Amino acid sequence: MNSDQISNLLTIVLIIMIAVLLILVIVYLVLRAKTKNPKKEKAPDDLITSKSSKSNKTAQTKTNVVTYNKQSIFSFMEFDKIEDNMIIRKNGNKFLMVIECQGVNYDLMSGLEKNSVEQGFIQFLNTLRYPIQIYVQTRTVNLESGITKYKERVNTIGDRLLRKQMEYNRKQNMGYSQVELNKAKLEVTREQNLYEYGIDLVKNTERMSLNRNILRKNYYIIIDYVPEDINTNNYGKDEIRSMAFSELYTKAQAIISALAVCNVNGKILDSNGLAELLYIAYNRDDAEIYDLNKALNAGYDELYSTGEDVLQKRIKELDKKIERDAQNLANSSLREAMAESEEQKRAKEKEAKMDDLIKQMAQIIIDENQEIVGSDIAEKAKEKVKRKRTTKKAIKTEEEEG
């Protein structure tokens, strides 16, 4: 081919390429115009909807009225249920386990103890191979349950004290030796002191319960398990839940062991503890006066309930109160009667020994005045005291026999 043919061929190729380029530019402009038209042009319905939505937003802004529906509430709660000591989220696609940790008073530790805690915490962080979340929850201390337990224990001690006193009185009447009586008396005194201490403890705790500003911080470590991280297509829901529990339990035990080096004790929260944790988190104000146990006993989670007749329930409660008050009255009456019998017994013993006591005191008085009256007169007076007391005893004996 000569040079003219080559130039003609190149000219044809160039023309074809320019034509193709022009076609591509036209197609690009057409597509761009089509994508812009829907944004610029709106149907009348869209305009009406937009205007109405703007007016609604303006009205809500002015009146500060916000409406919620069921879907928004459930999406906010972020958990589905509690099962097998785990919080289940996102329809079983995420499982959580919570470890409750007991804090240490770092400021009161010595330098070596602080260094040990720091080294242990560094070691704990280095052993982590999965994410954790630390959660601190501030709670108002509720002393009501503690007061109830104290009262139950004090009543138990009171019953035990009553039995000890009855046993001591029985031994006295049956003529036990003085050693055994002293041992029984020591047991009674010990129970009496414990009973009085328990009553004082209950009273002080009840006074403390009137203070609503007693706060306590609880520390938690939260670990999670996501089945999506592994292939679980061939497993059922029960098997996935079992795998999640095994994995979380293993991680939790490893964390508890690592925290023990820092002198921090930990335990896995059970289902009841998790329910209380979530209840306080979502009902912080109400939880101070209406705790989880009261809410569960009141049946707040039931749409309706069917119970026995109100009068029957009233009768049962009255029967329980009568039995409890009768038991307390019987115990207190027996204690008072025992105390009175002991006083009467001491009075009779003193009355029986009254003659000897008078004689001993008369002799003491004579001894004190011996220097004034003289030793001879004092000795004669002592002999007269002895004869008079002996004569009175003989007369008294004859009257009793007669």
Protein backbone atom coordinates (compact mmCIF):
# COMPACT_ATOMS: atom_id res chain seq x y z
CA MET A 1 0.00 0.00 0.00
CA ASN A 2 1.23 3.48 -0.89
CA SER A 3 1.11 6.48 1.34
CA ASP A 4 -2.14 7.85 -0.15
CA GLN A 5 -4.05 4.67 0.64
CA ILE A 6 -2.72 4.63 4.20
CA SER A 7 -3.78 8.23 4.81
CA ASN A 8 -7.25 7.55 3.41
CA LEU A 9 -7.63 4.53 5.69
CA LEU A 10 -6.56 6.52 8.76
CA THR A 11 -8.99 9.29 7.84
CA ILE A 12 -11.88 6.78 7.67
CA VAL A 13 -10.94 5.28 11.06
CA LEU A 14 -10.74 8.74 12.62
CA ILE A 15 -14.17 9.69 11.27
CA ILE A 16 -15.67 6.46 12.66
CA MET A 17 -14.14 7.09 16.10
CA ILE A 18 -15.44 10.67 16.18
CA ALA A 19 -18.92 9.42 15.24
CA VAL A 20 -18.86 6.81 18.02
CA LEU A 21 -17.69 9.44 20.52
CA LEU A 22 -20.50 11.79 19.49
CA ILE A 23 -23.05 9.00 19.92
CA LEU A 24 -21.75 8.21 23.44
CA VAL A 25 -21.92 11.89 24.42
CA ILE A 26 -25.53 12.12 23.21
CA VAL A 27 -26.50 8.98 25.17
CA TYR A 28 -24.84 10.35 28.34
CA LEU A 29 -26.71 13.65 28.03
CA VAL A 30 -30.04 11.88 27.52
CA LEU A 31 -29.55 9.66 30.59
CA ARG A 32 -28.50 12.59 32.72
CA ALA A 33 -31.54 14.56 31.66
CA LYS A 34 -33.83 11.63 32.58
CA THR A 35 -32.30 11.31 36.04
CA LYS A 36 -32.71 15.02 36.75
CA ASN A 37 -36.34 15.32 35.61
CA PRO A 38 -37.92 13.34 38.53
CA LYS A 39 -36.19 15.59 41.08
CA LYS A 40 -37.28 18.78 39.35
CA GLU A 41 -40.81 17.69 38.58
CA LYS A 42 -43.21 16.60 41.31
CA ALA A 43 -46.68 15.25 40.97
CA PRO A 44 -49.46 17.23 42.63
CA ASP A 45 -49.97 14.46 45.20
CA ASP A 46 -46.31 14.61 46.15
CA LEU A 47 -46.54 18.36 46.54
CA ILE A 48 -49.60 18.02 48.74
CA THR A 49 -47.90 15.35 50.82
CA SER A 50 -44.76 17.42 51.17
CA LYS A 51 -46.70 20.48 52.21
CA SER A 52 -48.82 18.55 54.67
CA SER A 53 -45.75 16.88 56.18
CA LYS A 54 -44.06 20.28 56.51
CA SER A 55 -47.12 21.72 58.19
CA ASN A 56 -47.29 18.71 60.54
CA LYS A 57 -43.62 19.11 61.47
CA THR A 58 -44.19 22.80 62.10
CA ALA A 59 -47.21 22.05 64.27
CA GLN A 60 -45.29 19.44 66.27
CA THR A 61 -42.42 21.85 66.74
CA LYS A 62 -44.74 24.52 68.03
CA THR A 63 -46.75 22.33 70.37
CA ASN A 64 -43.86 19.96 71.36
CA VAL A 65 -46.19 16.97 70.97
CA VAL A 66 -44.49 13.68 70.11
CA THR A 67 -46.45 10.53 69.42
CA TYR A 68 -45.08 7.02 69.84
CA ASN A 69 -46.34 3.75 68.46
CA LYS A 70 -45.70 0.18 69.52
CA GLN A 71 -42.95 -0.38 66.99
CA SER A 72 -40.84 2.57 68.17
CA ILE A 73 -41.12 1.44 71.80
CA PHE A 74 -39.99 -2.12 71.08
CA SER A 75 -37.13 -0.94 68.91
CA PHE A 76 -35.98 1.25 71.81
CA MET A 77 -35.99 -1.53 74.41
CA GLU A 78 -33.35 -3.47 72.47
CA PHE A 79 -33.98 -6.87 74.06
CA ASP A 80 -36.47 -9.62 73.38
CA LYS A 81 -36.42 -11.86 76.44
CA ILE A 82 -34.32 -13.33 79.23
CA GLU A 83 -33.63 -17.04 79.15
CA ASP A 84 -30.96 -19.39 80.53
CA ASN A 85 -29.13 -16.52 82.32
CA MET A 86 -28.80 -14.69 78.98
CA ILE A 87 -30.37 -11.61 77.42
CA ILE A 88 -31.62 -12.51 73.94
CA ARG A 89 -31.74 -9.73 71.35
CA LYS A 90 -32.71 -9.30 67.71
CA ASN A 91 -34.89 -12.41 67.48
CA GLY A 92 -32.14 -14.72 68.68
CA ASN A 93 -29.39 -13.20 66.55
CA LYS A 94 -27.46 -11.87 69.56
CA PHE A 95 -26.96 -13.20 73.12
CA LEU A 96 -25.61 -11.31 76.13
CA MET A 97 -24.28 -12.52 79.47
CA VAL A 98 -23.57 -10.19 82.41
CA ILE A 99 -20.92 -10.57 85.12
CA GLU A 100 -21.47 -8.67 88.36
CA CYS A 101 -18.19 -7.49 89.89
CA GLN A 102 -17.46 -6.45 93.45
CA GLY A 103 -15.39 -3.27 93.51
CA VAL A 104 -12.31 -2.71 95.65
CA ASN A 105 -11.46 0.41 97.65
CA TYR A 106 -8.34 1.41 95.76
CA ASP A 107 -7.69 4.58 97.82
CA LEU A 108 -7.36 2.66 101.09
CA MET A 109 -4.77 0.22 99.74
CA SER A 110 -1.06 0.38 100.38
CA GLY A 111 1.44 1.02 97.62
CA LEU A 112 2.20 -2.67 97.11
CA GLU A 113 -1.50 -3.56 97.02
CA LYS A 114 -2.18 -0.83 94.46
CA ASN A 115 0.71 -2.06 92.31
CA SER A 116 -0.63 -5.62 92.53
CA VAL A 117 -4.10 -4.51 91.45
CA GLU A 118 -2.69 -2.50 88.53
CA GLN A 119 -0.53 -5.38 87.33
CA GLY A 120 -3.45 -7.77 87.61
CA PHE A 121 -5.70 -5.44 85.63
CA ILE A 122 -3.07 -5.06 82.91
CA GLN A 123 -2.82 -8.84 82.75
CA PHE A 124 -6.60 -9.06 82.51
CA LEU A 125 -6.69 -6.62 79.59
CA ASN A 126 -3.93 -8.49 77.79
CA THR A 127 -5.85 -11.75 78.02
CA LEU A 128 -8.93 -10.34 76.30
CA ARG A 129 -9.45 -11.60 72.78
CA TYR A 130 -13.04 -10.39 72.37
CA PRO A 131 -14.90 -7.14 73.04
CA ILE A 132 -16.46 -6.41 76.42
CA GLN A 133 -18.62 -3.61 77.77
CA ILE A 134 -18.32 -2.16 81.29
CA TYR A 135 -21.58 -0.90 82.79
CA VAL A 136 -21.96 0.97 86.10
CA GLN A 137 -25.43 1.22 87.63
CA THR A 138 -26.20 3.47 90.60
CA ARG A 139 -28.95 2.16 92.85
CA THR A 140 -30.72 3.44 95.93
CA VAL A 141 -30.13 1.03 98.79
CA ASN A 142 -33.40 -0.65 99.76
CA LEU A 143 -33.19 -1.90 103.36
CA GLU A 144 -36.71 -3.31 103.54
CA SER A 145 -35.74 -6.89 102.68
CA GLY A 146 -32.84 -6.73 105.13
CA ILE A 147 -35.12 -5.49 107.91
CA THR A 148 -37.55 -8.33 107.26
CA LYS A 149 -34.75 -10.91 107.48
CA TYR A 150 -33.43 -9.30 110.68
CA LYS A 151 -36.88 -9.47 112.28
CA GLU A 152 -37.25 -13.12 111.35
CA ARG A 153 -33.88 -13.96 112.89
CA VAL A 154 -34.66 -11.93 116.02
CA ASN A 155 -37.93 -13.84 116.44
CA THR A 156 -36.00 -17.10 116.08
CA ILE A 157 -33.54 -15.96 118.75
CA GLY A 158 -36.47 -14.97 121.00
CA ASP A 159 -37.97 -18.45 120.70
CA ARG A 160 -34.59 -20.01 121.46
CA LEU A 161 -34.21 -17.73 124.49
CA LEU A 162 -37.59 -18.83 125.78
CA ARG A 163 -36.61 -22.50 125.50
CA LYS A 164 -33.32 -21.83 127.31
CA GLN A 165 -35.13 -20.08 130.16
CA MET A 166 -37.63 -22.92 130.49
CA GLU A 167 -34.77 -25.44 130.54
CA TYR A 168 -32.97 -23.42 133.23
CA ASN A 169 -36.10 -23.27 135.42
CA ARG A 170 -36.65 -27.00 135.01
CA LYS A 171 -33.10 -27.73 136.13
CA GLN A 172 -33.54 -25.48 139.14
CA ASN A 173 -36.70 -27.30 140.22
CA MET A 174 -35.16 -30.74 139.68
CA GLY A 175 -32.19 -29.97 141.92
CA TYR A 176 -29.31 -30.04 139.45
CA SER A 177 -25.81 -29.29 140.68
CA GLN A 178 -24.57 -25.73 140.89
CA VAL A 179 -22.10 -26.29 138.06
CA GLU A 180 -24.85 -27.36 135.67
CA LEU A 181 -27.08 -24.51 136.82
CA ASN A 182 -24.29 -21.99 136.20
CA LYS A 183 -23.75 -23.44 132.73
CA ALA A 184 -27.47 -23.20 131.93
CA LYS A 185 -27.58 -19.65 133.31
CA LEU A 186 -24.66 -18.70 131.09
CA GLU A 187 -26.57 -19.99 128.04
CA VAL A 188 -29.62 -17.95 129.02
CA THR A 189 -27.52 -14.81 129.50
CA ARG A 190 -25.83 -15.31 126.15
CA GLU A 191 -29.16 -15.69 124.33
CA GLN A 192 -30.57 -12.69 126.21
CA ASN A 193 -27.67 -10.48 125.11
CA LEU A 194 -27.99 -11.70 121.51
CA TYR A 195 -31.74 -11.03 121.53
CA GLU A 196 -31.30 -7.48 122.87
CA TYR A 197 -28.55 -6.81 120.32
CA GLY A 198 -30.83 -8.01 117.49
CA ILE A 199 -33.64 -5.69 118.62
CA ASP A 200 -31.27 -2.71 118.67
CA LEU A 201 -29.95 -3.67 115.24
CA VAL A 202 -33.47 -3.77 113.76
CA LYS A 203 -34.33 -0.36 115.25
CA ASN A 204 -31.13 1.25 113.89
CA THR A 205 -31.68 -0.28 110.45
CA GLU A 206 -35.26 1.00 110.38
CA ARG A 207 -33.99 4.51 111.15
CA MET A 208 -31.45 4.22 108.33
CA SER A 209 -34.17 3.13 105.91
CA LEU A 210 -35.81 6.55 106.31
CA ASN A 211 -32.82 8.11 104.52
CA ARG A 212 -33.41 7.94 100.75
CA ASN A 213 -29.94 9.26 99.88
CA ILE A 214 -28.06 6.01 100.51
CA LEU A 215 -26.62 5.03 97.12
CA ARG A 216 -24.62 2.04 95.94
CA LYS A 217 -22.74 1.54 92.68
CA ASN A 218 -22.92 -1.84 90.98
CA TYR A 219 -20.31 -2.79 88.38
CA TYR A 220 -21.00 -5.14 85.48
CA ILE A 221 -19.07 -6.60 82.53
CA ILE A 222 -21.20 -7.50 79.50
CA ILE A 223 -20.06 -10.01 76.88
CA ASP A 224 -21.94 -10.96 73.73
CA TYR A 225 -22.23 -13.81 71.26
CA VAL A 226 -23.41 -13.33 67.67
CA PRO A 227 -24.33 -16.51 65.74
CA GLU A 228 -23.66 -14.66 62.48
CA ASP A 229 -19.94 -14.82 63.26
CA ILE A 230 -19.99 -18.55 62.52
CA ASN A 231 -21.95 -20.69 60.10
CA THR A 232 -25.13 -21.69 61.95
CA ASN A 233 -27.32 -22.49 58.97
CA ASN A 234 -27.38 -26.18 59.83
CA TYR A 235 -28.44 -25.68 63.49
CA GLY A 236 -31.83 -25.14 65.09
CA LYS A 237 -32.75 -22.40 67.57
CA ASP A 238 -32.27 -24.63 70.60
CA GLU A 239 -28.86 -25.74 69.40
CA ILE A 240 -27.82 -22.15 68.70
CA ARG A 241 -28.96 -21.10 72.19
CA SER A 242 -27.01 -23.98 73.72
CA MET A 243 -23.89 -23.00 71.73
CA ALA A 244 -24.30 -19.38 72.82
CA PHE A 245 -24.58 -20.37 76.48
CA SER A 246 -21.49 -22.59 76.30
CA GLU A 247 -19.45 -19.90 74.58
CA LEU A 248 -20.56 -17.10 76.91
CA TYR A 249 -20.14 -19.23 80.03
CA THR A 250 -16.59 -20.12 79.04
CA LYS A 251 -15.73 -16.47 78.41
CA ALA A 252 -17.37 -15.39 81.68
CA GLN A 253 -15.42 -17.93 83.73
CA ALA A 254 -12.18 -16.81 82.08
CA ILE A 255 -12.97 -13.16 82.95
CA ILE A 256 -13.86 -14.05 86.56
CA SER A 257 -10.57 -15.94 86.96
CA ALA A 258 -8.59 -13.05 85.45
CA LEU A 259 -10.30 -10.48 87.71
CA ALA A 260 -9.54 -12.57 90.79
CA VAL A 261 -5.89 -11.59 90.34
CA CYS A 262 -6.96 -7.97 90.93
CA ASN A 263 -8.83 -8.97 94.13
CA VAL A 264 -12.11 -8.34 92.27
CA ASN A 265 -14.73 -11.00 92.86
CA GLY A 266 -17.26 -11.67 90.12
CA LYS A 267 -20.28 -13.85 89.47
CA ILE A 268 -22.58 -14.53 86.54
CA LEU A 269 -25.99 -12.93 86.92
CA ASP A 270 -28.87 -15.37 86.81
CA SER A 271 -32.16 -14.67 85.05
CA ASN A 272 -33.65 -12.91 88.09
CA GLY A 273 -30.58 -10.70 88.42
CA LEU A 274 -30.76 -9.80 84.72
CA ALA A 275 -34.45 -8.94 85.06
CA GLU A 276 -33.69 -6.68 88.03
CA LEU A 277 -30.82 -5.06 86.12
CA LEU A 278 -33.04 -4.20 83.15
CA TYR A 279 -35.97 -3.20 85.37
CA ILE A 280 -33.88 -0.63 87.25
CA ALA A 281 -32.28 0.61 84.01
CA TYR A 282 -35.67 1.32 82.41
CA ASN A 283 -37.56 2.32 85.59
CA ARG A 284 -34.96 4.28 87.53
CA ASP A 285 -37.42 6.60 89.32
CA ASP A 286 -40.03 3.98 90.15
CA ALA A 287 -37.50 1.35 91.19
CA GLU A 288 -36.59 3.35 94.31
CA ILE A 289 -40.06 2.89 95.80
CA TYR A 290 -41.41 -0.08 93.82
CA ASP A 291 -38.76 -2.74 93.34
CA LEU A 292 -38.88 -5.72 91.01
CA ASN A 293 -40.16 -8.23 93.57
CA LYS A 294 -43.13 -6.01 94.43
CA ALA A 295 -43.84 -5.49 90.75
CA LEU A 296 -43.77 -9.22 90.06
CA ASN A 297 -45.95 -9.99 93.06
CA ALA A 298 -48.40 -7.33 91.91
CA GLY A 299 -48.60 -9.00 88.49
CA TYR A 300 -47.70 -5.89 86.49
CA ASP A 301 -46.75 -8.07 83.53
CA GLU A 302 -50.21 -9.65 83.24
CA LEU A 303 -53.01 -8.19 81.16
CA TYR A 304 -55.55 -9.57 83.57
CA SER A 305 -55.62 -11.97 86.47
CA THR A 306 -58.19 -14.17 88.12
CA GLY A 307 -57.88 -14.62 91.87
CA GLU A 308 -59.83 -16.05 94.74
CA ASP A 309 -62.58 -14.16 96.49
CA VAL A 310 -61.47 -11.03 98.30
CA LEU A 311 -63.21 -12.03 101.54
CA GLN A 312 -61.52 -15.43 101.51
CA LYS A 313 -58.14 -13.78 101.07
CA ARG A 314 -59.01 -11.39 103.90
CA ILE A 315 -59.95 -14.30 106.18
CA LYS A 316 -56.68 -16.10 105.42
CA GLU A 317 -54.63 -13.00 106.16
CA LEU A 318 -56.53 -12.46 109.42
CA ASP A 319 -55.91 -16.08 110.43
CA LYS A 320 -52.19 -15.67 109.80
CA LYS A 321 -52.11 -12.43 111.78
CA ILE A 322 -54.02 -13.98 114.69
CA GLU A 323 -51.64 -16.95 114.80
CA ARG A 324 -48.56 -14.72 114.60
CA ASP A 325 -49.79 -12.26 117.26
CA ALA A 326 -50.87 -15.12 119.53
CA GLN A 327 -47.40 -16.68 119.28
CA ASN A 328 -45.73 -13.38 120.10
CA LEU A 329 -48.12 -12.76 123.02
CA ALA A 330 -47.50 -16.24 124.41
CA ASN A 331 -43.74 -15.83 124.18
CA SER A 332 -43.75 -12.41 125.83
CA SER A 333 -46.12 -13.59 128.59
CA LEU A 334 -43.95 -16.61 129.31
CA ARG A 335 -40.83 -14.44 129.49
CA GLU A 336 -42.55 -12.05 131.90
CA ALA A 337 -43.85 -14.91 134.01
CA MET A 338 -40.40 -16.46 134.21
CA ALA A 339 -38.90 -13.14 135.20
CA GLU A 340 -41.55 -12.71 137.92
CA SER A 341 -41.03 -16.24 139.19
CA GLU A 342 -37.29 -15.65 139.46
CA GLU A 343 -37.91 -12.44 141.42
CA GLN A 344 -40.35 -14.23 143.72
CA LYS A 345 -37.87 -17.03 144.25
CA ARG A 346 -35.13 -14.60 145.20
CA ALA A 347 -37.52 -12.82 147.58
CA LYS A 348 -38.47 -16.11 149.29
CA GLU A 349 -34.84 -17.11 149.63
CA LYS A 350 -34.04 -13.77 151.19
CA GLU A 351 -37.03 -14.05 153.53
CA ALA A 352 -35.93 -17.52 154.62
CA LYS A 353 -32.45 -16.24 155.40
CA MET A 354 -33.75 -13.07 157.07
CA ASP A 355 -33.09 -14.25 160.63
CA ASP A 356 -29.50 -15.19 159.82
CA LEU A 357 -28.97 -11.91 158.02
CA ILE A 358 -30.34 -9.96 161.01
CA LYS A 359 -28.03 -11.86 163.37
CA GLN A 360 -25.01 -11.26 161.14
CA MET A 361 -25.80 -7.56 160.79
CA ALA A 362 -26.34 -7.21 164.58
CA GLN A 363 -22.98 -8.78 165.25
CA ILE A 364 -21.36 -6.44 162.72
CA ILE A 365 -22.92 -3.44 164.48
CA ILE A 366 -21.65 -4.68 167.86
CA ASP A 367 -18.14 -5.15 166.42
CA GLU A 368 -18.18 -1.62 165.04
CA ASN A 369 -19.05 -0.20 168.50
CA GLN A 370 -16.75 -2.50 170.48
CA GLU A 371 -14.24 0.24 171.22
CA ILE A 372 -16.97 2.45 172.67
CA VAL A 373 -18.77 -0.09 174.92
CA GLY A 374 -15.79 -2.28 175.68
CA SER A 375 -14.83 -5.77 174.63
CA ASP A 376 -16.51 -7.54 177.59
CA ILE A 377 -19.88 -5.93 177.00
CA ALA A 378 -19.54 -6.56 173.28
CA GLU A 379 -18.94 -10.28 173.83
CA LYS A 380 -21.93 -10.54 176.17
CA ALA A 381 -24.09 -8.76 173.62
CA LYS A 382 -23.04 -11.18 170.90
CA GLU A 383 -23.96 -14.14 173.15
CA LYS A 384 -27.37 -12.62 173.80
CA VAL A 385 -27.90 -12.13 170.06
CA LYS A 386 -27.10 -15.79 169.45
CA ARG A 387 -29.47 -16.98 172.22
CA LYS A 388 -32.30 -14.72 171.05
CA ARG A 389 -32.05 -15.86 167.44
CA THR A 390 -31.88 -19.52 168.57
CA THR A 391 -34.94 -19.05 170.76
CA LYS A 392 -36.91 -17.43 167.94
CA LYS A 393 -36.02 -20.26 165.56
CA ALA A 394 -37.18 -22.87 168.09
CA ILE A 395 -40.49 -21.04 168.66
CA LYS A 396 -41.02 -20.69 164.94
CA THR A 397 -40.31 -24.38 164.39
CA GLU A 398 -42.79 -25.40 167.11
CA GLU A 399 -45.48 -23.15 165.58
CA GLU A 400 -44.94 -24.65 162.14
CA GLU A 401 -45.09 -28.20 163.55
CA GLY A 402 -48.16 -27.36 165.64
